[in-house]
């Protein structure tokens, strides 16, 4: 398992468009990918799971990968930074 923390800088947080981009990125990997926020663990391959996490501007989330695809974490973090930065 590998994980990294990121702060959401986008003014609107993670809404439908960035959530769909996260899902598209996560689905490229075989590993299980999760976003952790407060007490929630969201499946990064499920848009409904991500939207249910209510990730707002200034939130700190952890991107977590279970499996061999350690590149998934870096790819998702880079993607989040590009859309929210």
PDB file of N, CA and C in Angstrom:
ATOM      1  N   UNK A   1       0.844  -1.177   0.000  1.00  0.00           N
ATOM      2  CA  UNK A   1       0.000   0.000   0.000  1.00  0.00           C
ATOM      3  C   UNK A   1       0.886   1.235   0.000  1.00  0.00           C
ATOM      4  N   UNK A   2       0.480   2.219  -0.783  1.00  0.00           N
ATOM      5  CA  UNK A   2       1.162   3.501  -0.806  1.00  0.00           C
ATOM      6  C   UNK A   2       0.094   4.578  -0.679  1.00  0.00           C
ATOM      7  N   UNK A   3       0.447   5.677  -0.019  1.00  0.00           N
ATOM      8  CA  UNK A   3      -0.507   6.770   0.106  1.00  0.00           C
ATOM      9  C   UNK A   3       0.220   8.102   0.192  1.00  0.00           C
ATOM     10  N   UNK A   4      -0.469   9.146  -0.264  1.00  0.00           N
ATOM     11  CA  UNK A   4       0.062  10.501  -0.204  1.00  0.00           C
ATOM     12  C   UNK A   4      -1.085  11.443   0.117  1.00  0.00           C
ATOM     13  N   UNK A   5      -0.732  12.551   0.756  1.00  0.00           N
ATOM     14  CA  UNK A   5      -1.717  13.545   1.159  1.00  0.00           C
ATOM     15  C   UNK A   5      -1.658  14.749   0.231  1.00  0.00           C
ATOM     16  N   UNK A   6      -2.826  15.318  -0.045  1.00  0.00           N
ATOM     17  CA  UNK A   6      -2.923  16.501  -0.904  1.00  0.00           C
ATOM     18  C   UNK A   6      -4.003  17.427  -0.351  1.00  0.00           C
ATOM     19  N   UNK A   7      -3.782  18.728  -0.512  1.00  0.00           N
ATOM     20  CA  UNK A   7      -4.777  19.719  -0.116  1.00  0.00           C
ATOM     21  C   UNK A   7      -5.501  20.193  -1.376  1.00  0.00           C
ATOM     22  N   UNK A   8      -6.808  20.255  -1.315  1.00  0.00           N
ATOM     23  CA  UNK A   8      -7.630  20.674  -2.451  1.00  0.00           C
ATOM     24  C   UNK A   8      -7.625  22.193  -2.532  1.00  0.00           C
ATOM     25  N   UNK A   9      -7.093  22.700  -3.640  1.00  0.00           N
ATOM     26  CA  UNK A   9      -6.960  24.146  -3.804  1.00  0.00           C
ATOM     27  C   UNK A   9      -8.046  24.750  -4.684  1.00  0.00           C
ATOM     28  N   UNK A  10      -8.754  23.937  -5.427  1.00  0.00           N
ATOM     29  CA  UNK A  10      -9.808  24.447  -6.308  1.00  0.00           C
ATOM     30  C   UNK A  10     -10.923  25.093  -5.515  1.00  0.00           C
ATOM     31  N   UNK A  11     -11.382  26.249  -5.956  1.00  0.00           N
ATOM     32  CA  UNK A  11     -12.389  27.018  -5.232  1.00  0.00           C
ATOM     33  C   UNK A  11     -13.693  26.251  -5.029  1.00  0.00           C
ATOM     34  N   UNK A  12     -14.013  25.351  -5.948  1.00  0.00           N
ATOM     35  CA  UNK A  12     -15.262  24.590  -5.845  1.00  0.00           C
ATOM     36  C   UNK A  12     -15.063  23.196  -5.265  1.00  0.00           C
ATOM     37  N   UNK A  13     -13.855  22.872  -4.855  1.00  0.00           N
ATOM     38  CA  UNK A  13     -13.597  21.543  -4.310  1.00  0.00           C
ATOM     39  C   UNK A  13     -13.696  20.484  -5.392  1.00  0.00           C
ATOM     40  N   UNK A  14     -14.069  19.277  -5.005  1.00  0.00           N
ATOM     41  CA  UNK A  14     -14.225  18.181  -5.969  1.00  0.00           C
ATOM     42  C   UNK A  14     -15.711  18.049  -6.289  1.00  0.00           C
ATOM     43  N   UNK A  15     -16.101  18.611  -7.428  1.00  0.00           N
ATOM     44  CA  UNK A  15     -17.483  18.524  -7.897  1.00  0.00           C
ATOM     45  C   UNK A  15     -17.527  17.515  -9.044  1.00  0.00           C
ATOM     46  N   UNK A  16     -18.583  17.509  -9.814  1.00  0.00           N
ATOM     47  CA  UNK A  16     -18.802  16.450 -10.813  1.00  0.00           C
ATOM     48  C   UNK A  16     -17.681  16.315 -11.838  1.00  0.00           C
ATOM     49  N   UNK A  17     -17.225  17.426 -12.417  1.00  0.00           N
ATOM     50  CA  UNK A  17     -16.202  17.313 -13.465  1.00  0.00           C
ATOM     51  C   UNK A  17     -14.885  16.750 -12.928  1.00  0.00           C
ATOM     52  N   UNK A  18     -14.302  17.325 -11.850  1.00  0.00           N
ATOM     53  CA  UNK A  18     -13.059  16.725 -11.361  1.00  0.00           C
ATOM     54  C   UNK A  18     -13.255  15.300 -10.847  1.00  0.00           C
ATOM     55  N   UNK A  19     -14.427  15.008 -10.296  1.00  0.00           N
ATOM     56  CA  UNK A  19     -14.688  13.644  -9.828  1.00  0.00           C
ATOM     57  C   UNK A  19     -14.655  12.670 -10.993  1.00  0.00           C
ATOM     58  N   UNK A  20     -15.235  13.068 -12.134  1.00  0.00           N
ATOM     59  CA  UNK A  20     -15.223  12.172 -13.300  1.00  0.00           C
ATOM     60  C   UNK A  20     -13.807  11.997 -13.836  1.00  0.00           C
ATOM     61  N   UNK A  21     -12.985  13.036 -13.737  1.00  0.00           N
ATOM     62  CA  UNK A  21     -11.600  12.924 -14.175  1.00  0.00           C
ATOM     63  C   UNK A  21     -10.797  12.012 -13.248  1.00  0.00           C
ATOM     64  N   UNK A  22     -11.067  12.088 -11.957  1.00  0.00           N
ATOM     65  CA  UNK A  22     -10.406  11.194 -11.000  1.00  0.00           C
ATOM     66  C   UNK A  22     -10.780   9.750 -11.303  1.00  0.00           C
ATOM     67  N   UNK A  23     -12.055   9.499 -11.537  1.00  0.00           N
ATOM     68  CA  UNK A  23     -12.526   8.146 -11.851  1.00  0.00           C
ATOM     69  C   UNK A  23     -11.854   7.625 -13.122  1.00  0.00           C
ATOM     70  N   UNK A  24     -11.808   8.450 -14.161  1.00  0.00           N
ATOM     71  CA  UNK A  24     -11.185   8.021 -15.422  1.00  0.00           C
ATOM     72  C   UNK A  24      -9.716   7.674 -15.212  1.00  0.00           C
ATOM     73  N   UNK A  25      -9.030   8.460 -14.402  1.00  0.00           N
ATOM     74  CA  UNK A  25      -7.615   8.203 -14.125  1.00  0.00           C
ATOM     75  C   UNK A  25      -7.459   6.919 -13.307  1.00  0.00           C
ATOM     76  N   UNK A  26      -8.262   6.756 -12.262  1.00  0.00           N
ATOM     77  CA  UNK A  26      -8.155   5.585 -11.378  1.00  0.00           C
ATOM     78  C   UNK A  26      -8.486   4.288 -12.109  1.00  0.00           C
ATOM     79  N   UNK A  27      -9.417   4.354 -13.058  1.00  0.00           N
ATOM     80  CA  UNK A  27      -9.829   3.144 -13.772  1.00  0.00           C
ATOM     81  C   UNK A  27      -8.759   2.609 -14.717  1.00  0.00           C
ATOM     82  N   UNK A  28      -7.717   3.370 -14.950  1.00  0.00           N
ATOM     83  CA  UNK A  28      -6.618   2.908 -15.796  1.00  0.00           C
ATOM     84  C   UNK A  28      -5.739   1.892 -15.074  1.00  0.00           C
ATOM     85  N   UNK A  29      -5.925   1.761 -13.771  1.00  0.00           N
ATOM     86  CA  UNK A  29      -5.067   0.904 -12.962  1.00  0.00           C
ATOM     87  C   UNK A  29      -5.844  -0.288 -12.420  1.00  0.00           C
ATOM     88  N   UNK A  30      -5.141  -1.408 -12.270  1.00  0.00           N
ATOM     89  CA  UNK A  30      -5.767  -2.603 -11.720  1.00  0.00           C
ATOM     90  C   UNK A  30      -5.924  -2.526 -10.204  1.00  0.00           C
ATOM     91  N   UNK A  31      -5.046  -1.780  -9.554  1.00  0.00           N
ATOM     92  CA  UNK A  31      -5.064  -1.678  -8.097  1.00  0.00           C
ATOM     93  C   UNK A  31      -6.333  -0.989  -7.605  1.00  0.00           C
ATOM     94  N   UNK A  32      -6.668  -1.234  -6.349  1.00  0.00           N
ATOM     95  CA  UNK A  32      -7.755  -0.507  -5.695  1.00  0.00           C
ATOM     96  C   UNK A  32      -7.219   0.848  -5.279  1.00  0.00           C
ATOM     97  N   UNK A  33      -7.952   1.902  -5.618  1.00  0.00           N
ATOM     98  CA  UNK A  33      -7.528   3.262  -5.310  1.00  0.00           C
ATOM     99  C   UNK A  33      -8.629   3.925  -4.491  1.00  0.00           C
ATOM    100  N   UNK A  34      -8.241   4.562  -3.395  1.00  0.00           N
ATOM    101  CA  UNK A  34      -9.200   5.191  -2.499  1.00  0.00           C
ATOM    102  C   UNK A  34      -8.804   6.626  -2.193  1.00  0.00           C
ATOM    103  N   UNK A  35      -9.806   7.440  -1.877  1.00  0.00           N
ATOM    104  CA  UNK A  35      -9.596   8.776  -1.353  1.00  0.00           C
ATOM    105  C   UNK A  35     -10.106   8.759   0.084  1.00  0.00           C
ATOM    106  N   UNK A  36      -9.293   9.235   1.007  1.00  0.00           N
ATOM    107  CA  UNK A  36      -9.685   9.297   2.414  1.00  0.00           C
ATOM    108  C   UNK A  36      -9.869  10.758   2.792  1.00  0.00           C
ATOM    109  N   UNK A  37     -11.022  11.073   3.361  1.00  0.00           N
ATOM    110  CA  UNK A  37     -11.339  12.441   3.765  1.00  0.00           C
ATOM    111  C   UNK A  37     -12.196  12.368   5.024  1.00  0.00           C
ATOM    112  N   UNK A  38     -11.734  13.051   6.067  1.00  0.00           N
ATOM    113  CA  UNK A  38     -12.390  12.967   7.372  1.00  0.00           C
ATOM    114  C   UNK A  38     -12.505  11.485   7.745  1.00  0.00           C
ATOM    115  N   UNK A  39     -13.688  11.004   7.982  1.00  0.00           N
ATOM    116  CA  UNK A  39     -13.857   9.593   8.351  1.00  0.00           C
ATOM    117  C   UNK A  39     -14.366   8.750   7.192  1.00  0.00           C
ATOM    118  N   UNK A  40     -14.283   9.288   5.974  1.00  0.00           N
ATOM    119  CA  UNK A  40     -14.807   8.589   4.800  1.00  0.00           C
ATOM    120  C   UNK A  40     -13.684   7.972   3.976  1.00  0.00           C
ATOM    121  N   UNK A  41     -13.961   6.800   3.448  1.00  0.00           N
ATOM    122  CA  UNK A  41     -13.058   6.132   2.516  1.00  0.00           C
ATOM    123  C   UNK A  41     -13.837   5.936   1.229  1.00  0.00           C
ATOM    124  N   UNK A  42     -13.433   6.677   0.188  1.00  0.00           N
ATOM    125  CA  UNK A  42     -14.159   6.674  -1.071  1.00  0.00           C
ATOM    126  C   UNK A  42     -13.411   5.878  -2.126  1.00  0.00           C
ATOM    127  N   UNK A  43     -14.137   5.079  -2.871  1.00  0.00           N
ATOM    128  CA  UNK A  43     -13.573   4.339  -3.985  1.00  0.00           C
ATOM    129  C   UNK A  43     -13.320   5.334  -5.112  1.00  0.00           C
ATOM    130  N   UNK A  44     -12.066   5.510  -5.515  1.00  0.00           N
ATOM    131  CA  UNK A  44     -11.718   6.479  -6.554  1.00  0.00           C
ATOM    132  C   UNK A  44     -12.183   6.044  -7.935  1.00  0.00           C
ATOM    133  N   UNK A  45     -12.715   4.842  -8.062  1.00  0.00           N
ATOM    134  CA  UNK A  45     -13.237   4.368  -9.343  1.00  0.00           C
ATOM    135  C   UNK A  45     -14.752   4.526  -9.425  1.00  0.00           C
ATOM    136  N   UNK A  46     -15.339   5.208  -8.428  1.00  0.00           N
ATOM    137  CA  UNK A  46     -16.786   5.398  -8.375  1.00  0.00           C
ATOM    138  C   UNK A  46     -17.113   6.878  -8.207  1.00  0.00           C
ATOM    139  N   UNK A  47     -17.742   7.468  -9.213  1.00  0.00           N
ATOM    140  CA  UNK A  47     -18.069   8.890  -9.127  1.00  0.00           C
ATOM    141  C   UNK A  47     -19.039   9.166  -7.982  1.00  0.00           C
ATOM    142  N   UNK A  48     -19.975   8.275  -7.747  1.00  0.00           N
ATOM    143  CA  UNK A  48     -20.934   8.484  -6.660  1.00  0.00           C
ATOM    144  C   UNK A  48     -20.244   8.445  -5.303  1.00  0.00           C
ATOM    145  N   UNK A  49     -19.274   7.578  -5.171  1.00  0.00           N
ATOM    146  CA  UNK A  49     -18.512   7.501  -3.926  1.00  0.00           C
ATOM    147  C   UNK A  49     -17.754   8.800  -3.680  1.00  0.00           C
ATOM    148  N   UNK A  50     -17.108   9.331  -4.716  1.00  0.00           N
ATOM    149  CA  UNK A  50     -16.338  10.568  -4.572  1.00  0.00           C
ATOM    150  C   UNK A  50     -17.254  11.744  -4.269  1.00  0.00           C
ATOM    151  N   UNK A  51     -18.345  11.872  -5.013  1.00  0.00           N
ATOM    152  CA  UNK A  51     -19.264  12.985  -4.782  1.00  0.00           C
ATOM    153  C   UNK A  51     -19.895  12.916  -3.396  1.00  0.00           C
ATOM    154  N   UNK A  52     -20.097  11.716  -2.887  1.00  0.00           N
ATOM    155  CA  UNK A  52     -20.657  11.544  -1.549  1.00  0.00           C
ATOM    156  C   UNK A  52     -19.705  11.955  -0.441  1.00  0.00           C
ATOM    157  N   UNK A  53     -18.424  12.124  -0.782  1.00  0.00           N
ATOM    158  CA  UNK A  53     -17.429  12.497   0.216  1.00  0.00           C
ATOM    159  C   UNK A  53     -17.408  13.971   0.560  1.00  0.00           C
ATOM    160  N   UNK A  54     -18.134  14.784  -0.198  1.00  0.00           N
ATOM    161  CA  UNK A  54     -18.223  16.232   0.061  1.00  0.00           C
ATOM    162  C   UNK A  54     -16.847  16.862   0.277  1.00  0.00           C
ATOM    163  N   UNK A  55     -15.987  16.751  -0.711  1.00  0.00           N
ATOM    164  CA  UNK A  55     -14.631  17.299  -0.617  1.00  0.00           C
ATOM    165  C   UNK A  55     -14.670  18.753  -1.093  1.00  0.00           C
ATOM    166  N   UNK A  56     -14.490  19.666  -0.168  1.00  0.00           N
ATOM    167  CA  UNK A  56     -14.595  21.098  -0.460  1.00  0.00           C
ATOM    168  C   UNK A  56     -13.214  21.748  -0.507  1.00  0.00           C
ATOM    169  N   UNK A  57     -13.192  22.989  -0.979  1.00  0.00           N
ATOM    170  CA  UNK A  57     -11.955  23.784  -1.030  1.00  0.00           C
ATOM    171  C   UNK A  57     -11.272  23.770   0.336  1.00  0.00           C
ATOM    172  N   UNK A  58      -9.978  23.545   0.335  1.00  0.00           N
ATOM    173  CA  UNK A  58      -9.200  23.539   1.567  1.00  0.00           C
ATOM    174  C   UNK A  58      -9.144  22.202   2.278  1.00  0.00           C
ATOM    175  N   UNK A  59      -9.916  21.237   1.795  1.00  0.00           N
ATOM    176  CA  UNK A  59      -9.898  19.901   2.399  1.00  0.00           C
ATOM    177  C   UNK A  59      -8.544  19.243   2.173  1.00  0.00           C
ATOM    178  N   UNK A  60      -8.149  18.426   3.108  1.00  0.00           N
ATOM    179  CA  UNK A  60      -6.966  17.599   2.953  1.00  0.00           C
ATOM    180  C   UNK A  60      -7.448  16.175   2.758  1.00  0.00           C
ATOM    181  N   UNK A  61      -6.986  15.549   1.670  1.00  0.00           N
ATOM    182  CA  UNK A  61      -7.368  14.162   1.404  1.00  0.00           C
ATOM    183  C   UNK A  61      -6.113  13.313   1.277  1.00  0.00           C
ATOM    184  N   UNK A  62      -6.298  12.027   1.462  1.00  0.00           N
ATOM    185  CA  UNK A  62      -5.222  11.056   1.267  1.00  0.00           C
ATOM    186  C   UNK A  62      -5.608  10.193   0.078  1.00  0.00           C
ATOM    187  N   UNK A  63      -4.697  10.069  -0.870  1.00  0.00           N
ATOM    188  CA  UNK A  63      -4.881   9.170  -2.013  1.00  0.00           C
ATOM    189  C   UNK A  63      -4.135   7.893  -1.661  1.00  0.00           C
ATOM    190  N   UNK A  64      -4.851   6.787  -1.683  1.00  0.00           N
ATOM    191  CA  UNK A  64      -4.307   5.512  -1.212  1.00  0.00           C
ATOM    192  C   UNK A  64      -4.460   4.460  -2.309  1.00  0.00           C
ATOM    193  N   UNK A  65      -3.420   3.661  -2.496  1.00  0.00           N
ATOM    194  CA  UNK A  65      -3.430   2.613  -3.512  1.00  0.00           C
ATOM    195  C   UNK A  65      -3.079   1.280  -2.865  1.00  0.00           C
ATOM    196  N   UNK A  66      -3.925   0.290  -3.096  1.00  0.00           N
ATOM    197  CA  UNK A  66      -3.686  -1.071  -2.623  1.00  0.00           C
ATOM    198  C   UNK A  66      -3.419  -1.939  -3.843  1.00  0.00           C
ATOM    199  N   UNK A  67      -2.176  -2.334  -4.030  1.00  0.00           N
ATOM    200  CA  UNK A  67      -1.834  -3.167  -5.174  1.00  0.00           C
ATOM    201  C   UNK A  67      -0.499  -2.773  -5.766  1.00  0.00           C
ATOM    202  N   UNK A  68      -0.230  -3.311  -6.921  1.00  0.00           N
ATOM    203  CA  UNK A  68       1.083  -3.141  -7.546  1.00  0.00           C
ATOM    204  C   UNK A  68       1.251  -1.832  -8.308  1.00  0.00           C
ATOM    205  N   UNK A  69       0.161  -1.138  -8.563  1.00  0.00           N
ATOM    206  CA  UNK A  69       0.219   0.082  -9.372  1.00  0.00           C
ATOM    207  C   UNK A  69       0.517   1.317  -8.529  1.00  0.00           C
ATOM    208  N   UNK A  70       1.729   1.411  -8.023  1.00  0.00           N
ATOM    209  CA  UNK A  70       2.085   2.559  -7.192  1.00  0.00           C
ATOM    210  C   UNK A  70       2.010   3.867  -7.964  1.00  0.00           C
ATOM    211  N   UNK A  71       2.131   3.799  -9.282  1.00  0.00           N
ATOM    212  CA  UNK A  71       2.045   5.001 -10.114  1.00  0.00           C
ATOM    213  C   UNK A  71       0.654   5.623 -10.054  1.00  0.00           C
ATOM    214  N   UNK A  72      -0.334   4.867  -9.643  1.00  0.00           N
ATOM    215  CA  UNK A  72      -1.697   5.389  -9.566  1.00  0.00           C
ATOM    216  C   UNK A  72      -1.772   6.599  -8.644  1.00  0.00           C
ATOM    217  N   UNK A  73      -1.106   6.535  -7.509  1.00  0.00           N
ATOM    218  CA  UNK A  73      -1.150   7.636  -6.543  1.00  0.00           C
ATOM    219  C   UNK A  73      -0.573   8.906  -7.156  1.00  0.00           C
ATOM    220  N   UNK A  74       0.601   8.803  -7.740  1.00  0.00           N
ATOM    221  CA  UNK A  74       1.232   9.983  -8.340  1.00  0.00           C
ATOM    222  C   UNK A  74       0.395  10.536  -9.485  1.00  0.00           C
ATOM    223  N   UNK A  75      -0.140   9.663 -10.330  1.00  0.00           N
ATOM    224  CA  UNK A  75      -0.956  10.118 -11.449  1.00  0.00           C
ATOM    225  C   UNK A  75      -2.206  10.844 -10.978  1.00  0.00           C
ATOM    226  N   UNK A  76      -2.868  10.317  -9.977  1.00  0.00           N
ATOM    227  CA  UNK A  76      -4.090  10.952  -9.472  1.00  0.00           C
ATOM    228  C   UNK A  76      -3.763  12.272  -8.781  1.00  0.00           C
ATOM    229  N   UNK A  77      -2.704  12.308  -8.002  1.00  0.00           N
ATOM    230  CA  UNK A  77      -2.320  13.567  -7.345  1.00  0.00           C
ATOM    231  C   UNK A  77      -1.962  14.622  -8.390  1.00  0.00           C
ATOM    232  N   UNK A  78      -1.185  14.267  -9.391  1.00  0.00           N
ATOM    233  CA  UNK A  78      -0.839  15.213 -10.447  1.00  0.00           C
ATOM    234  C   UNK A  78      -2.078  15.711 -11.175  1.00  0.00           C
ATOM    235  N   UNK A  79      -3.022  14.818 -11.428  1.00  0.00           N
ATOM    236  CA  UNK A  79      -4.253  15.195 -12.107  1.00  0.00           C
ATOM    237  C   UNK A  79      -5.081  16.149 -11.242  1.00  0.00           C
ATOM    238  N   UNK A  80      -5.212  15.860  -9.940  1.00  0.00           N
ATOM    239  CA  UNK A  80      -5.966  16.738  -9.036  1.00  0.00           C
ATOM    240  C   UNK A  80      -5.325  18.111  -8.967  1.00  0.00           C
ATOM    241  N   UNK A  81      -4.008  18.150  -8.876  1.00  0.00           N
ATOM    242  CA  UNK A  81      -3.308  19.439  -8.835  1.00  0.00           C
ATOM    243  C   UNK A  81      -3.516  20.227 -10.125  1.00  0.00           C
ATOM    244  N   UNK A  82      -3.577  19.563 -11.252  1.00  0.00           N
ATOM    245  CA  UNK A  82      -3.744  20.267 -12.523  1.00  0.00           C
ATOM    246  C   UNK A  82      -5.150  20.832 -12.687  1.00  0.00           C
ATOM    247  N   UNK A  83      -6.149  20.175 -12.125  1.00  0.00           N
ATOM    248  CA  UNK A  83      -7.523  20.668 -12.283  1.00  0.00           C
ATOM    249  C   UNK A  83      -7.958  21.592 -11.148  1.00  0.00           C
ATOM    250  N   UNK A  84      -7.238  21.560 -10.038  1.00  0.00           N
ATOM    251  CA  UNK A  84      -7.677  22.385  -8.911  1.00  0.00           C
ATOM    252  C   UNK A  84      -6.690  23.491  -8.582  1.00  0.00           C
ATOM    253  N   UNK A  85      -5.661  23.604  -9.340  1.00  0.00           N
ATOM    254  CA  UNK A  85      -4.613  24.521  -8.979  1.00  0.00           C
ATOM    255  C   UNK A  85      -4.607  25.829  -9.644  1.00  0.00           C
TER     256      UNK A  85
END
